Amino acid sequence: MAVAPKKKIRNCIQCGKVFLTQEREELCAECKAKFYELEKIVVDYVKENPGVSMTEVSEATGVSKKLIQRMAREGVFADVPMGENFTFPCASCGKPIKTGTYCTSCLTRLRQETKRAAERMKIRFSDDMPIIEKLDAMAQRDFDKQQRDRRTFSNAMSKLIRPR
């Protein structure tokens, strides 16, 4: 029998409305529909006007630059031929980019830093394994003692409460 994923209560980041979701949705159904409408307007405009800048798209469609940047970061324009003027800043260094969140050099730097951090953690965890195993065994003994104490207490209470 398959278990259905749990639904979570979230607030829409756009309107603040509370909604249920099974995924990591950030927008309620109404705001998501509005977003897709705006997305279609922007993509159609960019397709009809190749070589247009982000500022020009924003002014022509009425969609904010921030929302157009979010669309670009999410890959909405991946299949649309973009002109040289359609750029936005890298989230790290501010260098103009066309897709994603980071420029190539920042992405390379972040990957190297992540790799180094993972290597340091692996070394640290391997050195600390005996300590972790001891702590785990102590926690298990403590848990077992608490369970025995609860059973003992429940048995004693049931003997007191039972009618004779």
N, C-alpha and C. Protein backbone atom coordinates (compact mmCIF):
# COMPACT_ATOMS: atom_id res chain seq x y z
N MET A 1 0.84 -1.18 0.00
CA MET A 1 0.00 0.00 0.00
C MET A 1 0.89 1.24 0.00
N ALA A 2 0.69 2.09 -0.96
CA ALA A 2 1.50 3.32 -1.07
C ALA A 2 1.00 4.37 -0.10
N VAL A 3 1.94 5.06 0.48
CA VAL A 3 1.60 6.11 1.43
C VAL A 3 1.63 7.45 0.70
N ALA A 4 0.55 8.20 0.83
CA ALA A 4 0.48 9.52 0.18
C ALA A 4 1.41 10.49 0.91
N PRO A 5 2.09 11.34 0.17
CA PRO A 5 2.97 12.31 0.83
C PRO A 5 2.17 13.28 1.68
N LYS A 6 2.78 13.71 2.77
CA LYS A 6 2.12 14.64 3.68
C LYS A 6 1.99 16.01 3.04
N LYS A 7 0.87 16.65 3.30
CA LYS A 7 0.69 18.01 2.82
C LYS A 7 1.16 18.96 3.90
N LYS A 8 1.71 20.08 3.46
CA LYS A 8 2.21 21.08 4.39
C LYS A 8 1.47 22.38 4.18
N ILE A 9 1.33 23.13 5.24
CA ILE A 9 0.71 24.45 5.16
C ILE A 9 1.81 25.47 4.94
N ARG A 10 1.61 26.33 3.96
CA ARG A 10 2.61 27.36 3.64
C ARG A 10 1.90 28.67 3.38
N ASN A 11 2.67 29.74 3.42
CA ASN A 11 2.17 31.05 3.02
C ASN A 11 2.73 31.37 1.65
N CYS A 12 1.88 31.89 0.79
CA CYS A 12 2.29 32.31 -0.55
C CYS A 12 3.26 33.48 -0.40
N ILE A 13 4.38 33.42 -1.12
CA ILE A 13 5.38 34.49 -1.01
C ILE A 13 4.92 35.76 -1.72
N GLN A 14 3.91 35.63 -2.58
CA GLN A 14 3.43 36.79 -3.32
C GLN A 14 2.32 37.52 -2.56
N CYS A 15 1.26 36.78 -2.18
CA CYS A 15 0.08 37.43 -1.58
C CYS A 15 -0.05 37.16 -0.08
N GLY A 16 0.69 36.18 0.45
CA GLY A 16 0.63 35.88 1.87
C GLY A 16 -0.46 34.90 2.25
N LYS A 17 -1.28 34.50 1.30
CA LYS A 17 -2.38 33.58 1.54
C LYS A 17 -1.85 32.21 1.98
N VAL A 18 -2.57 31.55 2.90
CA VAL A 18 -2.20 30.23 3.37
C VAL A 18 -2.74 29.19 2.39
N PHE A 19 -1.90 28.18 2.05
CA PHE A 19 -2.34 27.12 1.15
C PHE A 19 -1.65 25.82 1.51
N LEU A 20 -2.23 24.70 1.04
CA LEU A 20 -1.67 23.37 1.28
C LEU A 20 -0.84 22.94 0.08
N THR A 21 0.28 22.30 0.34
CA THR A 21 1.12 21.81 -0.75
C THR A 21 1.82 20.52 -0.33
N GLN A 22 2.11 19.68 -1.32
CA GLN A 22 2.88 18.46 -1.07
C GLN A 22 4.33 18.68 -1.45
N GLU A 23 4.59 19.73 -2.17
CA GLU A 23 5.93 19.99 -2.66
C GLU A 23 6.46 21.27 -2.02
N ARG A 24 7.54 21.78 -2.60
CA ARG A 24 8.13 23.02 -2.11
C ARG A 24 7.59 24.22 -2.87
N GLU A 25 6.30 24.25 -3.06
CA GLU A 25 5.66 25.35 -3.76
C GLU A 25 5.79 26.62 -2.94
N GLU A 26 6.04 27.73 -3.63
CA GLU A 26 6.13 29.02 -2.95
C GLU A 26 4.93 29.89 -3.24
N LEU A 27 4.18 29.56 -4.30
CA LEU A 27 3.05 30.36 -4.72
C LEU A 27 1.75 29.57 -4.59
N CYS A 28 0.68 30.25 -4.18
CA CYS A 28 -0.64 29.62 -4.15
C CYS A 28 -1.10 29.43 -5.60
N ALA A 29 -2.18 28.70 -5.79
CA ALA A 29 -2.66 28.39 -7.14
C ALA A 29 -3.00 29.66 -7.94
N GLU A 30 -3.60 30.64 -7.29
CA GLU A 30 -3.97 31.89 -7.98
C GLU A 30 -2.73 32.66 -8.43
N CYS A 31 -1.77 32.82 -7.55
CA CYS A 31 -0.55 33.57 -7.90
C CYS A 31 0.27 32.80 -8.94
N LYS A 32 0.26 31.45 -8.85
CA LYS A 32 0.98 30.65 -9.84
C LYS A 32 0.37 30.85 -11.23
N ALA A 33 -0.97 30.89 -11.30
CA ALA A 33 -1.65 31.11 -12.58
C ALA A 33 -1.29 32.50 -13.14
N LYS A 34 -1.26 33.51 -12.25
CA LYS A 34 -0.87 34.86 -12.69
C LYS A 34 0.57 34.87 -13.18
N PHE A 35 1.45 34.17 -12.47
CA PHE A 35 2.86 34.09 -12.85
C PHE A 35 3.00 33.49 -14.25
N TYR A 36 2.27 32.40 -14.52
CA TYR A 36 2.36 31.76 -15.83
C TYR A 36 1.81 32.66 -16.93
N GLU A 37 0.79 33.44 -16.62
CA GLU A 37 0.26 34.40 -17.60
C GLU A 37 1.32 35.45 -17.94
N LEU A 38 1.95 36.00 -16.90
CA LEU A 38 3.01 36.99 -17.11
C LEU A 38 4.20 36.37 -17.86
N GLU A 39 4.50 35.15 -17.51
CA GLU A 39 5.60 34.44 -18.17
C GLU A 39 5.34 34.33 -19.67
N LYS A 40 4.11 33.96 -20.04
CA LYS A 40 3.75 33.83 -21.45
C LYS A 40 3.86 35.18 -22.16
N ILE A 41 3.40 36.25 -21.53
CA ILE A 41 3.47 37.59 -22.11
C ILE A 41 4.93 37.96 -22.38
N VAL A 42 5.79 37.74 -21.39
CA VAL A 42 7.21 38.11 -21.51
C VAL A 42 7.89 37.27 -22.60
N VAL A 43 7.68 35.95 -22.58
CA VAL A 43 8.33 35.07 -23.56
C VAL A 43 7.87 35.44 -24.97
N ASP A 44 6.57 35.68 -25.15
CA ASP A 44 6.06 36.06 -26.47
C ASP A 44 6.70 37.38 -26.94
N TYR A 45 6.83 38.33 -26.04
CA TYR A 45 7.42 39.62 -26.40
C TYR A 45 8.89 39.45 -26.82
N VAL A 46 9.62 38.64 -26.05
CA VAL A 46 11.04 38.43 -26.36
C VAL A 46 11.20 37.70 -27.70
N LYS A 47 10.31 36.73 -27.98
CA LYS A 47 10.37 36.01 -29.26
C LYS A 47 10.09 36.95 -30.43
N GLU A 48 9.14 37.86 -30.24
CA GLU A 48 8.76 38.80 -31.31
C GLU A 48 9.79 39.91 -31.50
N ASN A 49 10.58 40.20 -30.47
CA ASN A 49 11.54 41.30 -30.50
C ASN A 49 12.93 40.81 -30.12
N PRO A 50 13.59 40.06 -31.00
CA PRO A 50 14.92 39.56 -30.66
C PRO A 50 15.91 40.71 -30.45
N GLY A 51 16.82 40.51 -29.51
CA GLY A 51 17.84 41.52 -29.24
C GLY A 51 17.39 42.59 -28.27
N VAL A 52 16.22 42.43 -27.68
CA VAL A 52 15.69 43.42 -26.75
C VAL A 52 16.38 43.28 -25.39
N SER A 53 16.50 44.38 -24.66
CA SER A 53 17.12 44.33 -23.32
C SER A 53 16.05 44.05 -22.27
N MET A 54 16.51 43.68 -21.08
CA MET A 54 15.58 43.39 -20.00
C MET A 54 14.77 44.63 -19.63
N THR A 55 15.39 45.78 -19.65
CA THR A 55 14.69 47.03 -19.34
C THR A 55 13.58 47.28 -20.35
N GLU A 56 13.87 47.06 -21.62
CA GLU A 56 12.86 47.25 -22.66
C GLU A 56 11.70 46.27 -22.50
N VAL A 57 12.01 45.03 -22.15
CA VAL A 57 10.96 44.02 -21.93
C VAL A 57 10.08 44.45 -20.76
N SER A 58 10.70 44.91 -19.69
CA SER A 58 9.96 45.34 -18.50
C SER A 58 9.04 46.51 -18.83
N GLU A 59 9.57 47.50 -19.55
CA GLU A 59 8.76 48.68 -19.89
C GLU A 59 7.62 48.32 -20.84
N ALA A 60 7.87 47.44 -21.80
CA ALA A 60 6.85 47.09 -22.80
C ALA A 60 5.75 46.20 -22.24
N THR A 61 6.11 45.28 -21.34
CA THR A 61 5.12 44.32 -20.83
C THR A 61 4.51 44.74 -19.50
N GLY A 62 5.17 45.64 -18.77
CA GLY A 62 4.68 46.03 -17.45
C GLY A 62 5.08 45.06 -16.36
N VAL A 63 5.90 44.08 -16.70
CA VAL A 63 6.38 43.10 -15.72
C VAL A 63 7.68 43.63 -15.12
N SER A 64 7.81 43.54 -13.80
CA SER A 64 8.99 44.09 -13.13
C SER A 64 10.27 43.37 -13.55
N LYS A 65 11.38 44.10 -13.49
CA LYS A 65 12.69 43.51 -13.82
C LYS A 65 12.99 42.34 -12.88
N LYS A 66 12.62 42.51 -11.63
CA LYS A 66 12.90 41.47 -10.64
C LYS A 66 12.21 40.15 -11.02
N LEU A 67 10.97 40.25 -11.48
CA LEU A 67 10.23 39.05 -11.88
C LEU A 67 10.82 38.46 -13.16
N ILE A 68 11.23 39.31 -14.09
CA ILE A 68 11.86 38.82 -15.32
C ILE A 68 13.18 38.13 -14.99
N GLN A 69 13.95 38.69 -14.04
CA GLN A 69 15.20 38.04 -13.61
C GLN A 69 14.91 36.67 -13.01
N ARG A 70 13.85 36.59 -12.19
CA ARG A 70 13.49 35.30 -11.59
C ARG A 70 13.15 34.29 -12.67
N MET A 71 12.41 34.74 -13.69
CA MET A 71 12.08 33.85 -14.80
C MET A 71 13.36 33.37 -15.49
N ALA A 72 14.29 34.29 -15.73
CA ALA A 72 15.55 33.92 -16.38
C ALA A 72 16.34 32.94 -15.53
N ARG A 73 16.41 33.17 -14.23
CA ARG A 73 17.14 32.27 -13.33
C ARG A 73 16.53 30.88 -13.32
N GLU A 74 15.20 30.80 -13.47
CA GLU A 74 14.51 29.51 -13.47
C GLU A 74 14.55 28.82 -14.83
N GLY A 75 15.15 29.47 -15.83
CA GLY A 75 15.33 28.85 -17.14
C GLY A 75 14.15 29.01 -18.09
N VAL A 76 13.28 29.97 -17.84
CA VAL A 76 12.11 30.19 -18.69
C VAL A 76 12.53 30.51 -20.12
N PHE A 77 13.64 31.20 -20.28
CA PHE A 77 14.09 31.64 -21.61
C PHE A 77 15.11 30.69 -22.23
N ALA A 78 15.22 29.48 -21.71
CA ALA A 78 16.22 28.53 -22.19
C ALA A 78 16.05 28.22 -23.67
N ASP A 79 14.83 28.14 -24.16
CA ASP A 79 14.56 27.81 -25.56
C ASP A 79 14.36 29.04 -26.44
N VAL A 80 14.51 30.22 -25.85
CA VAL A 80 14.28 31.47 -26.59
C VAL A 80 15.63 32.08 -26.94
N PRO A 81 15.86 32.40 -28.25
CA PRO A 81 17.12 33.05 -28.60
C PRO A 81 17.18 34.45 -28.00
N MET A 82 18.17 34.69 -27.16
CA MET A 82 18.29 35.97 -26.46
C MET A 82 19.36 36.83 -27.12
N GLY A 83 19.13 38.12 -27.14
CA GLY A 83 20.10 39.06 -27.67
C GLY A 83 21.19 39.35 -26.65
N GLU A 84 22.21 40.04 -27.08
CA GLU A 84 23.33 40.39 -26.20
C GLU A 84 22.91 41.36 -25.09
N ASN A 85 21.84 42.11 -25.31
CA ASN A 85 21.40 43.12 -24.33
C ASN A 85 20.59 42.54 -23.18
N PHE A 86 20.10 41.32 -23.34
CA PHE A 86 19.23 40.72 -22.32
C PHE A 86 20.08 40.02 -21.27
N THR A 87 20.53 40.77 -20.28
CA THR A 87 21.37 40.22 -19.21
C THR A 87 20.87 40.70 -17.86
N PHE A 88 21.34 40.04 -16.82
CA PHE A 88 21.08 40.45 -15.44
C PHE A 88 22.30 40.08 -14.61
N PRO A 89 22.44 40.66 -13.41
CA PRO A 89 23.68 40.46 -12.65
C PRO A 89 23.80 39.09 -11.99
N CYS A 90 25.03 38.59 -11.94
CA CYS A 90 25.37 37.37 -11.20
C CYS A 90 25.06 37.64 -9.73
N ALA A 91 24.50 36.64 -9.04
CA ALA A 91 24.12 36.81 -7.65
C ALA A 91 25.32 36.99 -6.72
N SER A 92 26.50 36.62 -7.18
CA SER A 92 27.68 36.73 -6.34
C SER A 92 28.52 37.97 -6.66
N CYS A 93 28.92 38.11 -7.92
CA CYS A 93 29.86 39.18 -8.26
C CYS A 93 29.23 40.34 -9.03
N GLY A 94 28.02 40.16 -9.57
CA GLY A 94 27.36 41.22 -10.30
C GLY A 94 27.68 41.28 -11.78
N LYS A 95 28.52 40.38 -12.27
CA LYS A 95 28.87 40.33 -13.69
C LYS A 95 27.61 39.99 -14.50
N PRO A 96 27.40 40.61 -15.67
CA PRO A 96 26.20 40.32 -16.46
C PRO A 96 26.16 38.87 -16.94
N ILE A 97 25.01 38.21 -16.74
CA ILE A 97 24.80 36.83 -17.20
C ILE A 97 23.46 36.75 -17.91
N LYS A 98 23.23 35.65 -18.63
CA LYS A 98 21.98 35.49 -19.38
C LYS A 98 21.05 34.45 -18.77
N THR A 99 21.61 33.45 -18.08
CA THR A 99 20.79 32.41 -17.46
C THR A 99 21.40 32.01 -16.13
N GLY A 100 20.61 31.30 -15.35
CA GLY A 100 21.09 30.80 -14.07
C GLY A 100 21.15 31.86 -13.00
N THR A 101 21.94 31.58 -11.98
CA THR A 101 22.08 32.49 -10.84
C THR A 101 23.48 33.06 -10.76
N TYR A 102 24.49 32.26 -11.16
CA TYR A 102 25.89 32.66 -11.04
C TYR A 102 26.58 32.63 -12.40
N CYS A 103 27.60 33.46 -12.55
CA CYS A 103 28.43 33.43 -13.76
C CYS A 103 29.31 32.18 -13.68
N THR A 104 29.98 31.87 -14.78
CA THR A 104 30.80 30.66 -14.86
C THR A 104 31.93 30.67 -13.83
N SER A 105 32.60 31.81 -13.65
CA SER A 105 33.73 31.84 -12.71
C SER A 105 33.25 31.68 -11.26
N CYS A 106 32.14 32.29 -10.90
CA CYS A 106 31.61 32.13 -9.54
C CYS A 106 31.11 30.72 -9.30
N LEU A 107 30.49 30.13 -10.31
CA LEU A 107 30.01 28.76 -10.19
C LEU A 107 31.17 27.79 -9.99
N THR A 108 32.26 28.00 -10.73
CA THR A 108 33.46 27.17 -10.57
C THR A 108 34.04 27.33 -9.16
N ARG A 109 34.12 28.57 -8.69
CA ARG A 109 34.65 28.84 -7.35
C ARG A 109 33.77 28.18 -6.28
N LEU A 110 32.44 28.28 -6.41
CA LEU A 110 31.54 27.68 -5.43
C LEU A 110 31.66 26.15 -5.41
N ARG A 111 31.81 25.56 -6.60
CA ARG A 111 31.98 24.10 -6.66
C ARG A 111 33.27 23.67 -5.97
N GLN A 112 34.36 24.42 -6.18
CA GLN A 112 35.63 24.09 -5.54
C GLN A 112 35.52 24.23 -4.02
N GLU A 113 34.88 25.30 -3.56
CA GLU A 113 34.72 25.50 -2.11
C GLU A 113 33.88 24.39 -1.50
N THR A 114 32.83 23.99 -2.20
CA THR A 114 31.97 22.91 -1.71
C THR A 114 32.75 21.60 -1.63
N LYS A 115 33.56 21.33 -2.65
CA LYS A 115 34.36 20.11 -2.67
C LYS A 115 35.36 20.10 -1.51
N ARG A 116 36.02 21.24 -1.28
CA ARG A 116 36.98 21.32 -0.16
C ARG A 116 36.28 21.14 1.18
N ALA A 117 35.11 21.74 1.34
CA ALA A 117 34.37 21.61 2.60
C ALA A 117 33.96 20.16 2.82
N ALA A 118 33.51 19.48 1.76
CA ALA A 118 33.12 18.07 1.88
C ALA A 118 34.31 17.21 2.27
N GLU A 119 35.47 17.48 1.70
CA GLU A 119 36.68 16.72 2.04
C GLU A 119 37.06 16.94 3.50
N ARG A 120 36.98 18.19 3.97
CA ARG A 120 37.30 18.47 5.38
C ARG A 120 36.32 17.76 6.32
N MET A 121 35.05 17.76 5.96
CA MET A 121 34.04 17.11 6.81
C MET A 121 34.27 15.60 6.86
N LYS A 122 34.63 15.01 5.74
CA LYS A 122 34.87 13.57 5.69
C LYS A 122 36.02 13.20 6.61
N ILE A 123 37.08 13.98 6.59
CA ILE A 123 38.23 13.74 7.45
C ILE A 123 37.82 13.89 8.91
N ARG A 124 37.09 14.95 9.22
CA ARG A 124 36.69 15.19 10.59
C ARG A 124 35.77 14.08 11.09
N PHE A 125 34.81 13.66 10.26
CA PHE A 125 33.89 12.62 10.69
C PHE A 125 34.61 11.29 10.87
N SER A 126 35.56 10.97 10.02
CA SER A 126 36.26 9.71 10.17
C SER A 126 37.09 9.70 11.45
N ASP A 127 37.67 10.85 11.84
CA ASP A 127 38.44 10.93 13.08
C ASP A 127 37.54 10.83 14.31
N ASP A 128 36.32 11.32 14.20
CA ASP A 128 35.40 11.35 15.35
C ASP A 128 34.50 10.13 15.45
N MET A 129 34.63 9.16 14.55
CA MET A 129 33.71 8.03 14.54
C MET A 129 33.66 7.26 15.87
N PRO A 130 34.79 6.94 16.52
CA PRO A 130 34.68 6.23 17.80
C PRO A 130 33.87 7.02 18.82
N ILE A 131 34.04 8.32 18.85
CA ILE A 131 33.29 9.16 19.79
C ILE A 131 31.81 9.12 19.45
N ILE A 132 31.47 9.21 18.17
CA ILE A 132 30.08 9.19 17.74
C ILE A 132 29.44 7.86 18.09
N GLU A 133 30.17 6.76 17.88
CA GLU A 133 29.64 5.44 18.21
C GLU A 133 29.39 5.31 19.71
N LYS A 134 30.29 5.84 20.55
CA LYS A 134 30.09 5.80 22.00
C LYS A 134 28.87 6.61 22.40
N LEU A 135 28.73 7.80 21.83
CA LEU A 135 27.58 8.64 22.15
C LEU A 135 26.28 7.97 21.71
N ASP A 136 26.31 7.31 20.56
CA ASP A 136 25.13 6.61 20.07
C ASP A 136 24.75 5.48 21.01
N ALA A 137 25.73 4.71 21.49
CA ALA A 137 25.47 3.61 22.42
C ALA A 137 24.92 4.14 23.74
N MET A 138 25.48 5.26 24.24
CA MET A 138 24.97 5.87 25.48
C MET A 138 23.53 6.33 25.30
N ALA A 139 23.21 6.94 24.17
CA ALA A 139 21.85 7.41 23.91
C ALA A 139 20.89 6.23 23.84
N GLN A 140 21.31 5.12 23.22
CA GLN A 140 20.46 3.94 23.13
C GLN A 140 20.19 3.36 24.51
N ARG A 141 21.21 3.28 25.39
CA ARG A 141 21.02 2.77 26.75
C ARG A 141 20.05 3.67 27.52
N ASP A 142 20.20 4.97 27.37
CA ASP A 142 19.32 5.92 28.05
C ASP A 142 17.87 5.75 27.58
N PHE A 143 17.69 5.59 26.28
CA PHE A 143 16.36 5.40 25.72
C PHE A 143 15.74 4.10 26.26
N ASP A 144 16.52 3.02 26.26
CA ASP A 144 16.02 1.74 26.78
C ASP A 144 15.61 1.86 28.24
N LYS A 145 16.38 2.57 29.06
CA LYS A 145 16.05 2.76 30.47
C LYS A 145 14.74 3.54 30.61
N GLN A 146 14.57 4.58 29.79
CA GLN A 146 13.32 5.36 29.84
C GLN A 146 12.12 4.48 29.48
N GLN A 147 12.27 3.61 28.50
CA GLN A 147 11.18 2.73 28.10
C GLN A 147 10.83 1.75 29.23
N ARG A 148 11.87 1.18 29.89
CA ARG A 148 11.63 0.27 31.02
C ARG A 148 10.92 1.00 32.15
N ASP A 149 11.37 2.23 32.44
CA ASP A 149 10.73 3.02 33.51
C ASP A 149 9.28 3.31 33.19
N ARG A 150 8.96 3.60 31.95
CA ARG A 150 7.57 3.87 31.56
C ARG A 150 6.71 2.62 31.71
N ARG A 151 7.24 1.46 31.29
CA ARG A 151 6.48 0.22 31.42
C ARG A 151 6.24 -0.10 32.89
N THR A 152 7.27 0.08 33.71
CA THR A 152 7.14 -0.18 35.15
C THR A 152 6.07 0.74 35.74
N PHE A 153 6.10 2.02 35.39
CA PHE A 153 5.13 2.98 35.90
C PHE A 153 3.72 2.61 35.42
N SER A 154 3.57 2.25 34.14
CA SER A 154 2.25 1.88 33.60
C SER A 154 1.71 0.65 34.31
N ASN A 155 2.55 -0.34 34.53
CA ASN A 155 2.11 -1.55 35.22
C ASN A 155 1.67 -1.24 36.64
N ALA A 156 2.43 -0.42 37.34
CA ALA A 156 2.08 -0.06 38.71
C ALA A 156 0.76 0.71 38.75
N MET A 157 0.57 1.64 37.81
CA MET A 157 -0.67 2.42 37.77
C MET A 157 -1.87 1.55 37.44
N SER A 158 -1.70 0.60 36.51
CA SER A 158 -2.82 -0.26 36.13
C SER A 158 -3.24 -1.15 37.31
N LYS A 159 -2.29 -1.57 38.16
CA LYS A 159 -2.64 -2.37 39.33
C LYS A 159 -3.41 -1.52 40.35
N LEU A 160 -3.07 -0.25 40.48
CA LEU A 160 -3.77 0.62 41.40
C LEU A 160 -5.16 0.98 40.93
N ILE A 161 -5.34 1.10 39.64
CA ILE A 161 -6.62 1.56 39.08
C ILE A 161 -7.61 0.42 38.90
N ARG A 162 -7.15 -0.80 38.71
CA ARG A 162 -8.04 -1.95 38.45
C ARG A 162 -9.00 -2.16 39.61
N PRO A 163 -10.27 -2.36 39.28
CA PRO A 163 -11.22 -2.67 40.37
C PRO A 163 -10.98 -4.09 40.88
N ARG A 164 -11.25 -4.28 42.18
CA ARG A 164 -10.99 -5.60 42.79
C ARG A 164 -12.22 -6.42 42.85
